[in-house]
Amino acid sequence: MNDLIEKANTLMEALPYIQKFSGKTIVIKYGGHAMVDETLKKSLMLDLILMKYVGINPVVVHGGGPRINAMLERLDIKSQFINGLRVTDQETMDVVEMILMGKINKEIVSMINQHGGKAVGLSGKDGKMLMAQQRDPQLGFVGDIKEINPDIIHQLANEGYIPVISPIGAGSNGESFNINADSVAGELAAALKASKLIMLTDVKGIMADSKDEKSLISILEINQAESLIRDGSINKGMIPKVEACINALHHGVKRTHILDGRIPHAILLEIFTNKGIGTMVMP
């Protein structure tokens, strides 16, 4: 009986959050270990389905860098880097689209549907959702977002679907551009006027000392985050995630979160419990 009472208490703890976020949009950047571990994959899909059933509109943006790297190596396509960014010629861009849309996107959609949800896979080229421009001619088909048209996402969400989006944008001549998935998530959260932006990573959150997990910062304001980037405490792959959070906050998103995607049901723990996990970046 005590176990049953504890379960009831857990549901009652979640109730005010369900009421608060019902009808709201939450953008989730899906990446890291949660994309390769089968148990974590299923955990996330069930989280998304539950969110949809209680009236929340989740929108998923996924990456796929490691699998793109593996395919390029398999095809013996050599990579050249400028300032840490891969030069993306047409051959490389074809592989990027094949992996992101043809493999990863369809796998996510299939898993959501398999477990009782309804998902639709999109790239930024669908419905002119993500219009892009070339970042630097030397980098080839690496792009930055020029314009966002979120109508197709609203339509799908209103019809009960979970949109799953690959970070590929369309150029003015219809060409494809590879866009950083963290940036896409932040820009989409702003365009959708999302209540939350959630970044799933392979670390506990933002640390005051990146080498010490005990230095986790639970709540971080924009000016503090910018200071940590300047002094190098936030570095490497965490920088685009934090910058995406800051950009979303500047454009009206109320709360952004960087969570450890290695924890099962990390999203539910953050949204539906009093304590939460990870780092919340806020205005």
C-alpha atoms as a PDB file:
ATOM      1  CA  MET A   1       0.000   0.000   0.000  1.00  0.00           C
ATOM      2  CA  ASN A   2       2.857   2.410   0.776  1.00  0.00           C
ATOM      3  CA  ASP A   3       4.185   1.961  -2.789  1.00  0.00           C
ATOM      4  CA  LEU A   4       0.763   2.821  -4.198  1.00  0.00           C
ATOM      5  CA  ILE A   5       0.514   5.922  -2.003  1.00  0.00           C
ATOM      6  CA  GLU A   6       4.001   6.996  -3.136  1.00  0.00           C
ATOM      7  CA  LYS A   7       2.935   6.650  -6.777  1.00  0.00           C
ATOM      8  CA  ALA A   8      -0.161   8.728  -6.078  1.00  0.00           C
ATOM      9  CA  ASN A   9       1.991  11.402  -4.413  1.00  0.00           C
ATOM     10  CA  THR A  10       4.247  11.486  -7.479  1.00  0.00           C
ATOM     11  CA  LEU A  11       1.235  12.078  -9.710  1.00  0.00           C
ATOM     12  CA  MET A  12      -0.034  14.832  -7.430  1.00  0.00           C
ATOM     13  CA  GLU A  13       3.397  16.500  -7.513  1.00  0.00           C
ATOM     14  CA  ALA A  14       3.200  16.512 -11.309  1.00  0.00           C
ATOM     15  CA  LEU A  15      -0.358  17.904 -11.473  1.00  0.00           C
ATOM     16  CA  PRO A  16       0.422  21.655 -11.147  1.00  0.00           C
ATOM     17  CA  TYR A  17       3.114  21.348 -13.822  1.00  0.00           C
ATOM     18  CA  ILE A  18       0.755  19.514 -16.151  1.00  0.00           C
ATOM     19  CA  GLN A  19      -1.759  22.318 -15.650  1.00  0.00           C
ATOM     20  CA  LYS A  20       0.910  24.974 -16.177  1.00  0.00           C
ATOM     21  CA  PHE A  21       2.307  23.574 -19.426  1.00  0.00           C
ATOM     22  CA  SER A  22      -0.821  22.133 -21.019  1.00  0.00           C
ATOM     23  CA  GLY A  23      -1.211  23.726 -24.449  1.00  0.00           C
ATOM     24  CA  LYS A  24       2.355  25.060 -24.377  1.00  0.00           C
ATOM     25  CA  THR A  25       5.235  24.196 -26.709  1.00  0.00           C
ATOM     26  CA  ILE A  26       8.510  22.708 -25.474  1.00  0.00           C
ATOM     27  CA  VAL A  27      11.431  22.329 -27.893  1.00  0.00           C
ATOM     28  CA  ILE A  28      13.837  19.459 -27.203  1.00  0.00           C
ATOM     29  CA  LYS A  29      17.310  19.198 -28.739  1.00  0.00           C
ATOM     30  CA  TYR A  30      17.985  15.450 -28.905  1.00  0.00           C
ATOM     31  CA  GLY A  31      21.606  14.379 -29.031  1.00  0.00           C
ATOM     32  CA  GLY A  32      24.445  12.677 -27.238  1.00  0.00           C
ATOM     33  CA  HIS A  33      24.349   9.273 -25.557  1.00  0.00           C
ATOM     34  CA  ALA A  34      20.558   9.310 -25.468  1.00  0.00           C
ATOM     35  CA  MET A  35      20.645   8.762 -29.245  1.00  0.00           C
ATOM     36  CA  VAL A  36      22.688   5.537 -29.116  1.00  0.00           C
ATOM     37  CA  ASP A  37      21.635   3.728 -25.937  1.00  0.00           C
ATOM     38  CA  GLU A  38      18.489   1.669 -26.645  1.00  0.00           C
ATOM     39  CA  THR A  39      17.103   1.993 -23.097  1.00  0.00           C
ATOM     40  CA  LEU A  40      17.544   5.767 -23.160  1.00  0.00           C
ATOM     41  CA  LYS A  41      15.997   5.991 -26.630  1.00  0.00           C
ATOM     42  CA  LYS A  42      12.840   4.227 -25.440  1.00  0.00           C
ATOM     43  CA  SER A  43      12.785   6.343 -22.269  1.00  0.00           C
ATOM     44  CA  LEU A  44      12.800   9.572 -24.289  1.00  0.00           C
ATOM     45  CA  MET A  45      10.140   8.385 -26.743  1.00  0.00           C
ATOM     46  CA  LEU A  46       7.826   7.521 -23.850  1.00  0.00           C
ATOM     47  CA  ASP A  47       8.506  10.941 -22.284  1.00  0.00           C
ATOM     48  CA  LEU A  48       7.501  12.657 -25.531  1.00  0.00           C
ATOM     49  CA  ILE A  49       4.344  10.574 -25.871  1.00  0.00           C
ATOM     50  CA  LEU A  50       3.313  11.262 -22.268  1.00  0.00           C
ATOM     51  CA  MET A  51       3.871  14.987 -22.766  1.00  0.00           C
ATOM     52  CA  LYS A  52       1.647  14.947 -25.827  1.00  0.00           C
ATOM     53  CA  TYR A  53      -1.109  13.019 -24.040  1.00  0.00           C
ATOM     54  CA  VAL A  54      -1.254  15.550 -21.174  1.00  0.00           C
ATOM     55  CA  GLY A  55      -1.620  18.441 -23.617  1.00  0.00           C
ATOM     56  CA  ILE A  56       1.977  19.622 -24.055  1.00  0.00           C
ATOM     57  CA  ASN A  57       3.342  20.093 -27.591  1.00  0.00           C
ATOM     58  CA  PRO A  58       6.890  18.688 -27.800  1.00  0.00           C
ATOM     59  CA  VAL A  59       8.984  19.582 -30.860  1.00  0.00           C
ATOM     60  CA  VAL A  60      12.151  17.531 -31.386  1.00  0.00           C
ATOM     61  CA  VAL A  61      15.312  18.770 -33.136  1.00  0.00           C
ATOM     62  CA  HIS A  62      18.000  16.120 -33.568  1.00  0.00           C
ATOM     63  CA  GLY A  63      21.654  16.067 -34.494  1.00  0.00           C
ATOM     64  CA  GLY A  64      23.751  13.192 -35.771  1.00  0.00           C
ATOM     65  CA  GLY A  65      27.404  14.199 -36.026  1.00  0.00           C
ATOM     66  CA  PRO A  66      28.982  10.887 -34.919  1.00  0.00           C
ATOM     67  CA  ARG A  67      26.958   8.841 -37.412  1.00  0.00           C
ATOM     68  CA  ILE A  68      27.777  11.281 -40.211  1.00  0.00           C
ATOM     69  CA  ASN A  69      31.466  10.960 -39.323  1.00  0.00           C
ATOM     70  CA  ALA A  70      31.222   7.170 -39.358  1.00  0.00           C
ATOM     71  CA  MET A  71      29.567   7.107 -42.781  1.00  0.00           C
ATOM     72  CA  LEU A  72      32.102   9.512 -44.288  1.00  0.00           C
ATOM     73  CA  GLU A  73      34.917   7.284 -43.034  1.00  0.00           C
ATOM     74  CA  ARG A  74      33.158   4.206 -44.395  1.00  0.00           C
ATOM     75  CA  LEU A  75      32.831   5.856 -47.818  1.00  0.00           C
ATOM     76  CA  ASP A  76      36.468   7.032 -47.605  1.00  0.00           C
ATOM     77  CA  ILE A  77      35.440  10.671 -47.959  1.00  0.00           C
ATOM     78  CA  LYS A  78      38.181  12.818 -46.465  1.00  0.00           C
ATOM     79  CA  SER A  79      37.207  15.726 -44.233  1.00  0.00           C
ATOM     80  CA  GLN A  80      38.889  19.105 -44.142  1.00  0.00           C
ATOM     81  CA  PHE A  81      38.333  21.503 -41.252  1.00  0.00           C
ATOM     82  CA  ILE A  82      38.615  25.293 -40.994  1.00  0.00           C
ATOM     83  CA  ASN A  83      38.497  26.730 -37.455  1.00  0.00           C
ATOM     84  CA  GLY A  84      36.968  23.495 -36.224  1.00  0.00           C
ATOM     85  CA  LEU A  85      34.183  23.452 -38.838  1.00  0.00           C
ATOM     86  CA  ARG A  86      33.959  20.761 -41.492  1.00  0.00           C
ATOM     87  CA  VAL A  87      34.231  21.915 -45.097  1.00  0.00           C
ATOM     88  CA  THR A  88      31.033  20.534 -46.616  1.00  0.00           C
ATOM     89  CA  ASP A  89      31.213  19.989 -50.355  1.00  0.00           C
ATOM     90  CA  GLN A  90      28.332  18.544 -52.378  1.00  0.00           C
ATOM     91  CA  GLU A  91      29.438  14.940 -51.822  1.00  0.00           C
ATOM     92  CA  THR A  92      29.624  15.475 -48.060  1.00  0.00           C
ATOM     93  CA  MET A  93      26.277  17.288 -48.024  1.00  0.00           C
ATOM     94  CA  ASP A  94      24.660  14.307 -49.759  1.00  0.00           C
ATOM     95  CA  VAL A  95      25.918  12.057 -46.951  1.00  0.00           C
ATOM     96  CA  VAL A  96      24.702  14.526 -44.295  1.00  0.00           C
ATOM     97  CA  GLU A  97      21.191  14.513 -45.770  1.00  0.00           C
ATOM     98  CA  MET A  98      21.195  10.736 -46.146  1.00  0.00           C
ATOM     99  CA  ILE A  99      22.123  10.144 -42.502  1.00  0.00           C
ATOM    100  CA  LEU A 100      20.051  12.909 -40.905  1.00  0.00           C
ATOM    101  CA  MET A 101      16.848  12.474 -42.907  1.00  0.00           C
ATOM    102  CA  GLY A 102      17.105   8.975 -44.324  1.00  0.00           C
ATOM    103  CA  LYS A 103      18.329   7.248 -41.161  1.00  0.00           C
ATOM    104  CA  ILE A 104      18.183   9.151 -37.874  1.00  0.00           C
ATOM    105  CA  ASN A 105      14.984  11.120 -38.473  1.00  0.00           C
ATOM    106  CA  LYS A 106      13.064   8.074 -39.642  1.00  0.00           C
ATOM    107  CA  GLU A 107      14.318   5.982 -36.718  1.00  0.00           C
ATOM    108  CA  ILE A 108      13.046   8.554 -34.206  1.00  0.00           C
ATOM    109  CA  VAL A 109       9.685   8.855 -35.955  1.00  0.00           C
ATOM    110  CA  SER A 110       9.343   5.075 -36.146  1.00  0.00           C
ATOM    111  CA  MET A 111      10.082   4.614 -32.434  1.00  0.00           C
ATOM    112  CA  ILE A 112       7.542   7.248 -31.380  1.00  0.00           C
ATOM    113  CA  ASN A 113       4.898   5.670 -33.590  1.00  0.00           C
ATOM    114  CA  GLN A 114       5.817   2.173 -32.409  1.00  0.00           C
ATOM    115  CA  HIS A 115       5.223   3.110 -28.770  1.00  0.00           C
ATOM    116  CA  GLY A 116       1.803   4.656 -29.330  1.00  0.00           C
ATOM    117  CA  GLY A 117       2.546   8.228 -30.347  1.00  0.00           C
ATOM    118  CA  LYS A 118       2.109  10.032 -33.653  1.00  0.00           C
ATOM    119  CA  ALA A 119       5.202  11.615 -35.161  1.00  0.00           C
ATOM    120  CA  VAL A 120       6.095  13.204 -38.486  1.00  0.00           C
ATOM    121  CA  GLY A 121       9.660  13.680 -39.726  1.00  0.00           C
ATOM    122  CA  LEU A 122      10.691  16.939 -41.390  1.00  0.00           C
ATOM    123  CA  SER A 123      13.782  18.720 -42.565  1.00  0.00           C
ATOM    124  CA  GLY A 124      14.033  22.485 -42.551  1.00  0.00           C
ATOM    125  CA  LYS A 125      13.391  22.384 -46.300  1.00  0.00           C
ATOM    126  CA  ASP A 126       9.808  21.176 -45.778  1.00  0.00           C
ATOM    127  CA  GLY A 127       7.323  24.011 -45.991  1.00  0.00           C
ATOM    128  CA  LYS A 128      10.253  26.454 -46.262  1.00  0.00           C
ATOM    129  CA  MET A 129      10.580  26.041 -42.519  1.00  0.00           C
ATOM    130  CA  LEU A 130      14.280  26.903 -42.298  1.00  0.00           C
ATOM    131  CA  MET A 131      15.584  29.294 -44.938  1.00  0.00           C
ATOM    132  CA  ALA A 132      19.367  29.399 -44.800  1.00  0.00           C
ATOM    133  CA  GLN A 133      22.323  31.291 -46.164  1.00  0.00           C
ATOM    134  CA  GLN A 134      25.905  30.230 -46.605  1.00  0.00           C
ATOM    135  CA  ARG A 135      28.096  30.982 -43.605  1.00  0.00           C
ATOM    136  CA  ASP A 136      31.421  31.147 -45.456  1.00  0.00           C
ATOM    137  CA  PRO A 137      32.230  30.195 -49.078  1.00  0.00           C
ATOM    138  CA  GLN A 138      35.292  28.320 -47.807  1.00  0.00           C
ATOM    139  CA  LEU A 139      33.024  26.027 -45.771  1.00  0.00           C
ATOM    140  CA  GLY A 140      30.756  25.078 -48.664  1.00  0.00           C
ATOM    141  CA  PHE A 141      27.256  23.988 -47.657  1.00  0.00           C
ATOM    142  CA  VAL A 142      27.461  25.067 -44.003  1.00  0.00           C
ATOM    143  CA  GLY A 143      24.625  27.472 -43.301  1.00  0.00           C
ATOM    144  CA  ASP A 144      23.083  29.876 -40.844  1.00  0.00           C
ATOM    145  CA  ILE A 145      19.372  30.479 -40.433  1.00  0.00           C
ATOM    146  CA  LYS A 146      18.083  33.449 -42.389  1.00  0.00           C
ATOM    147  CA  GLU A 147      14.345  33.031 -41.805  1.00  0.00           C
ATOM    148  CA  ILE A 148      12.003  30.623 -39.987  1.00  0.00           C
ATOM    149  CA  ASN A 149       8.473  29.754 -41.112  1.00  0.00           C
ATOM    150  CA  PRO A 150       6.955  27.663 -38.287  1.00  0.00           C
ATOM    151  CA  ASP A 151       3.436  27.274 -39.756  1.00  0.00           C
ATOM    152  CA  ILE A 152       3.886  23.596 -40.626  1.00  0.00           C
ATOM    153  CA  ILE A 153       4.934  22.825 -37.043  1.00  0.00           C
ATOM    154  CA  HIS A 154       1.830  24.544 -35.634  1.00  0.00           C
ATOM    155  CA  GLN A 155      -0.386  22.622 -38.051  1.00  0.00           C
ATOM    156  CA  LEU A 156       1.134  19.259 -37.140  1.00  0.00           C
ATOM    157  CA  ALA A 157       0.980  19.970 -33.400  1.00  0.00           C
ATOM    158  CA  ASN A 158      -2.684  20.972 -33.663  1.00  0.00           C
ATOM    159  CA  GLU A 159      -3.411  17.676 -35.446  1.00  0.00           C
ATOM    160  CA  GLY A 160      -1.865  15.699 -32.593  1.00  0.00           C
ATOM    161  CA  TYR A 161       1.542  14.973 -34.148  1.00  0.00           C
ATOM    162  CA  ILE A 162       5.013  15.309 -32.661  1.00  0.00           C
ATOM    163  CA  PRO A 163       7.264  17.074 -35.222  1.00  0.00           C
ATOM    164  CA  VAL A 164      10.785  15.622 -35.513  1.00  0.00           C
ATOM    165  CA  ILE A 165      13.127  18.005 -37.337  1.00  0.00           C
ATOM    166  CA  SER A 166      16.494  17.531 -39.043  1.00  0.00           C
ATOM    167  CA  PRO A 167      18.766  20.619 -39.040  1.00  0.00           C
ATOM    168  CA  ILE A 168      18.935  21.037 -42.811  1.00  0.00           C
ATOM    169  CA  GLY A 169      17.957  24.392 -44.303  1.00  0.00           C
ATOM    170  CA  ALA A 170      17.024  25.503 -47.799  1.00  0.00           C
ATOM    171  CA  GLY A 171      19.000  28.113 -49.695  1.00  0.00           C
ATOM    172  CA  SER A 172      17.456  30.681 -52.006  1.00  0.00           C
ATOM    173  CA  ASN A 173      18.066  28.385 -54.987  1.00  0.00           C
ATOM    174  CA  GLY A 174      16.749  25.273 -53.242  1.00  0.00           C
ATOM    175  CA  GLU A 175      20.183  23.959 -52.277  1.00  0.00           C
ATOM    176  CA  SER A 176      20.646  22.222 -48.915  1.00  0.00           C
ATOM    177  CA  PHE A 177      22.661  23.669 -46.032  1.00  0.00           C
ATOM    178  CA  ASN A 178      23.830  21.838 -42.932  1.00  0.00           C
ATOM    179  CA  ILE A 179      23.010  23.935 -39.850  1.00  0.00           C
ATOM    180  CA  ASN A 180      24.178  23.439 -36.272  1.00  0.00           C
ATOM    181  CA  ALA A 181      21.372  21.547 -34.505  1.00  0.00           C
ATOM    182  CA  ASP A 182      21.766  23.499 -31.252  1.00  0.00           C
ATOM    183  CA  SER A 183      21.271  26.755 -33.154  1.00  0.00           C
ATOM    184  CA  VAL A 184      18.216  25.345 -34.925  1.00  0.00           C
ATOM    185  CA  ALA A 185      16.658  24.319 -31.610  1.00  0.00           C
ATOM    186  CA  GLY A 186      17.224  27.769 -30.121  1.00  0.00           C
ATOM    187  CA  GLU A 187      15.899  29.624 -33.161  1.00  0.00           C
ATOM    188  CA  LEU A 188      12.844  27.357 -33.411  1.00  0.00           C
ATOM    189  CA  ALA A 189      12.063  27.775 -29.720  1.00  0.00           C
ATOM    190  CA  ALA A 190      12.082  31.541 -30.258  1.00  0.00           C
ATOM    191  CA  ALA A 191       9.954  31.397 -33.424  1.00  0.00           C
ATOM    192  CA  LEU A 192       7.425  29.051 -31.791  1.00  0.00           C
ATOM    193  CA  LYS A 193       7.273  31.190 -28.633  1.00  0.00           C
ATOM    194  CA  ALA A 194       8.039  28.018 -26.698  1.00  0.00           C
ATOM    195  CA  SER A 195       7.696  27.920 -22.921  1.00  0.00           C
ATOM    196  CA  LYS A 196      10.879  25.897 -22.616  1.00  0.00           C
ATOM    197  CA  LEU A 197      13.952  24.869 -24.575  1.00  0.00           C
ATOM    198  CA  ILE A 198      15.596  21.660 -23.354  1.00  0.00           C
ATOM    199  CA  MET A 199      19.078  20.572 -24.453  1.00  0.00           C
ATOM    200  CA  LEU A 200      19.967  16.922 -23.820  1.00  0.00           C
ATOM    201  CA  THR A 201      23.722  16.425 -23.403  1.00  0.00           C
ATOM    202  CA  ASP A 202      26.250  13.921 -22.054  1.00  0.00           C
ATOM    203  CA  VAL A 203      27.092  15.931 -18.937  1.00  0.00           C
ATOM    204  CA  LYS A 204      25.129  16.820 -15.790  1.00  0.00           C
ATOM    205  CA  GLY A 205      24.750  20.423 -16.884  1.00  0.00           C
ATOM    206  CA  ILE A 206      26.951  23.515 -16.710  1.00  0.00           C
ATOM    207  CA  MET A 207      29.822  23.261 -14.250  1.00  0.00           C
ATOM    208  CA  ALA A 208      31.742  26.140 -12.692  1.00  0.00           C
ATOM    209  CA  ASP A 209      34.758  23.888 -13.264  1.00  0.00           C
ATOM    210  CA  SER A 210      34.224  21.803 -16.410  1.00  0.00           C
ATOM    211  CA  LYS A 211      36.423  19.043 -14.956  1.00  0.00           C
ATOM    212  CA  ASP A 212      34.488  18.763 -11.677  1.00  0.00           C
ATOM    213  CA  GLU A 213      30.900  17.449 -11.850  1.00  0.00           C
ATOM    214  CA  LYS A 214      30.385  18.452  -8.216  1.00  0.00           C
ATOM    215  CA  SER A 215      30.560  22.090  -9.338  1.00  0.00           C
ATOM    216  CA  LEU A 216      27.205  21.827 -11.154  1.00  0.00           C
ATOM    217  CA  ILE A 217      25.389  25.164 -11.396  1.00  0.00           C
ATOM    218  CA  SER A 218      21.643  24.622 -10.929  1.00  0.00           C
ATOM    219  CA  ILE A 219      20.460  28.098 -11.951  1.00  0.00           C
ATOM    220  CA  LEU A 220      22.332  30.461 -14.247  1.00  0.00           C
ATOM    221  CA  GLU A 221      21.372  33.924 -15.446  1.00  0.00           C
ATOM    222  CA  ILE A 222      22.266  35.188 -18.941  1.00  0.00           C
ATOM    223  CA  ASN A 223      24.988  37.580 -17.779  1.00  0.00           C
ATOM    224  CA  GLN A 224      26.600  34.824 -15.698  1.00  0.00           C
ATOM    225  CA  ALA A 225      26.501  32.418 -18.661  1.00  0.00           C
ATOM    226  CA  GLU A 226      28.148  34.987 -20.932  1.00  0.00           C
ATOM    227  CA  SER A 227      30.858  35.560 -18.332  1.00  0.00           C
ATOM    228  CA  LEU A 228      31.568  31.812 -18.091  1.00  0.00           C
ATOM    229  CA  ILE A 229      31.944  31.644 -21.887  1.00  0.00           C
ATOM    230  CA  ARG A 230      34.387  34.558 -21.851  1.00  0.00           C
ATOM    231  CA  ASP A 231      36.569  33.069 -19.113  1.00  0.00           C
ATOM    232  CA  GLY A 232      36.594  29.624 -20.718  1.00  0.00           C
ATOM    233  CA  SER A 233      34.617  27.787 -18.019  1.00  0.00           C
ATOM    234  CA  ILE A 234      32.016  27.042 -20.701  1.00  0.00           C
ATOM    235  CA  ASN A 235      33.956  25.679 -23.658  1.00  0.00           C
ATOM    236  CA  LYS A 236      34.017  23.358 -26.689  1.00  0.00           C
ATOM    237  CA  GLY A 237      30.660  21.757 -27.541  1.00  0.00           C
ATOM    238  CA  MET A 238      28.874  23.411 -24.630  1.00  0.00           C
ATOM    239  CA  ILE A 239      29.299  26.880 -26.155  1.00  0.00           C
ATOM    240  CA  PRO A 240      26.735  26.510 -29.000  1.00  0.00           C
ATOM    241  CA  LYS A 241      24.257  24.960 -26.546  1.00  0.00           C
ATOM    242  CA  VAL A 242      24.531  27.833 -24.103  1.00  0.00           C
ATOM    243  CA  GLU A 243      24.477  30.412 -26.909  1.00  0.00           C
ATOM    244  CA  ALA A 244      21.283  28.795 -28.247  1.00  0.00           C
ATOM    245  CA  CYS A 245      19.741  29.077 -24.774  1.00  0.00           C
ATOM    246  CA  ILE A 246      20.735  32.738 -24.514  1.00  0.00           C
ATOM    247  CA  ASN A 247      19.333  33.506 -27.962  1.00  0.00           C
ATOM    248  CA  ALA A 248      16.038  31.803 -27.108  1.00  0.00           C
ATOM    249  CA  LEU A 249      15.759  33.735 -23.839  1.00  0.00           C
ATOM    250  CA  HIS A 250      16.407  37.036 -25.621  1.00  0.00           C
ATOM    251  CA  HIS A 251      13.476  36.229 -27.921  1.00  0.00           C
ATOM    252  CA  GLY A 252      10.894  35.467 -25.258  1.00  0.00           C
ATOM    253  CA  VAL A 253      11.420  31.830 -24.263  1.00  0.00           C
ATOM    254  CA  LYS A 254      10.903  31.834 -20.497  1.00  0.00           C
ATOM    255  CA  ARG A 255      13.214  29.037 -19.369  1.00  0.00           C
ATOM    256  CA  THR A 256      15.954  26.963 -20.971  1.00  0.00           C
ATOM    257  CA  HIS A 257      17.513  23.802 -19.573  1.00  0.00           C
ATOM    258  CA  ILE A 258      20.678  21.808 -20.173  1.00  0.00           C
ATOM    259  CA  LEU A 259      20.072  18.252 -18.947  1.00  0.00           C
ATOM    260  CA  ASP A 260      21.989  15.009 -18.660  1.00  0.00           C
ATOM    261  CA  GLY A 261      20.430  12.819 -21.351  1.00  0.00           C
ATOM    262  CA  ARG A 262      22.101   9.769 -19.805  1.00  0.00           C
ATOM    263  CA  ILE A 263      19.474   9.833 -17.043  1.00  0.00           C
ATOM    264  CA  PRO A 264      16.293   7.903 -17.946  1.00  0.00           C
ATOM    265  CA  HIS A 265      13.223  10.165 -18.153  1.00  0.00           C
ATOM    266  CA  ALA A 266      15.384  13.268 -17.714  1.00  0.00           C
ATOM    267  CA  ILE A 267      12.750  15.471 -19.363  1.00  0.00           C
ATOM    268  CA  LEU A 268       9.946  14.313 -17.050  1.00  0.00           C
ATOM    269  CA  LEU A 269      12.163  14.802 -14.000  1.00  0.00           C
ATOM    270  CA  GLU A 270      12.861  18.374 -15.081  1.00  0.00           C
ATOM    271  CA  ILE A 271       9.343  19.382 -16.088  1.00  0.00           C
ATOM    272  CA  PHE A 272       7.121  17.522 -13.618  1.00  0.00           C
ATOM    273  CA  THR A 273       9.034  17.528 -10.315  1.00  0.00           C
ATOM    274  CA  ASN A 274       9.702  20.230  -7.749  1.00  0.00           C
ATOM    275  CA  LYS A 275      13.479  19.808  -7.683  1.00  0.00           C
ATOM    276  CA  GLY A 276      14.397  19.264 -11.339  1.00  0.00           C
ATOM    277  CA  ILE A 277      17.853  18.318 -12.614  1.00  0.00           C
ATOM    278  CA  GLY A 278      20.658  19.842 -14.667  1.00  0.00           C
ATOM    279  CA  THR A 279      21.148  23.569 -15.236  1.00  0.00           C
ATOM    280  CA  MET A 280      18.368  26.080 -15.847  1.00  0.00           C
ATOM    281  CA  VAL A 281      19.472  29.149 -17.822  1.00  0.00           C
ATOM    282  CA  MET A 282      17.070  32.039 -17.267  1.00  0.00           C
ATOM    283  CA  PRO A 283      16.743  35.781 -17.905  1.00  0.00           C
END
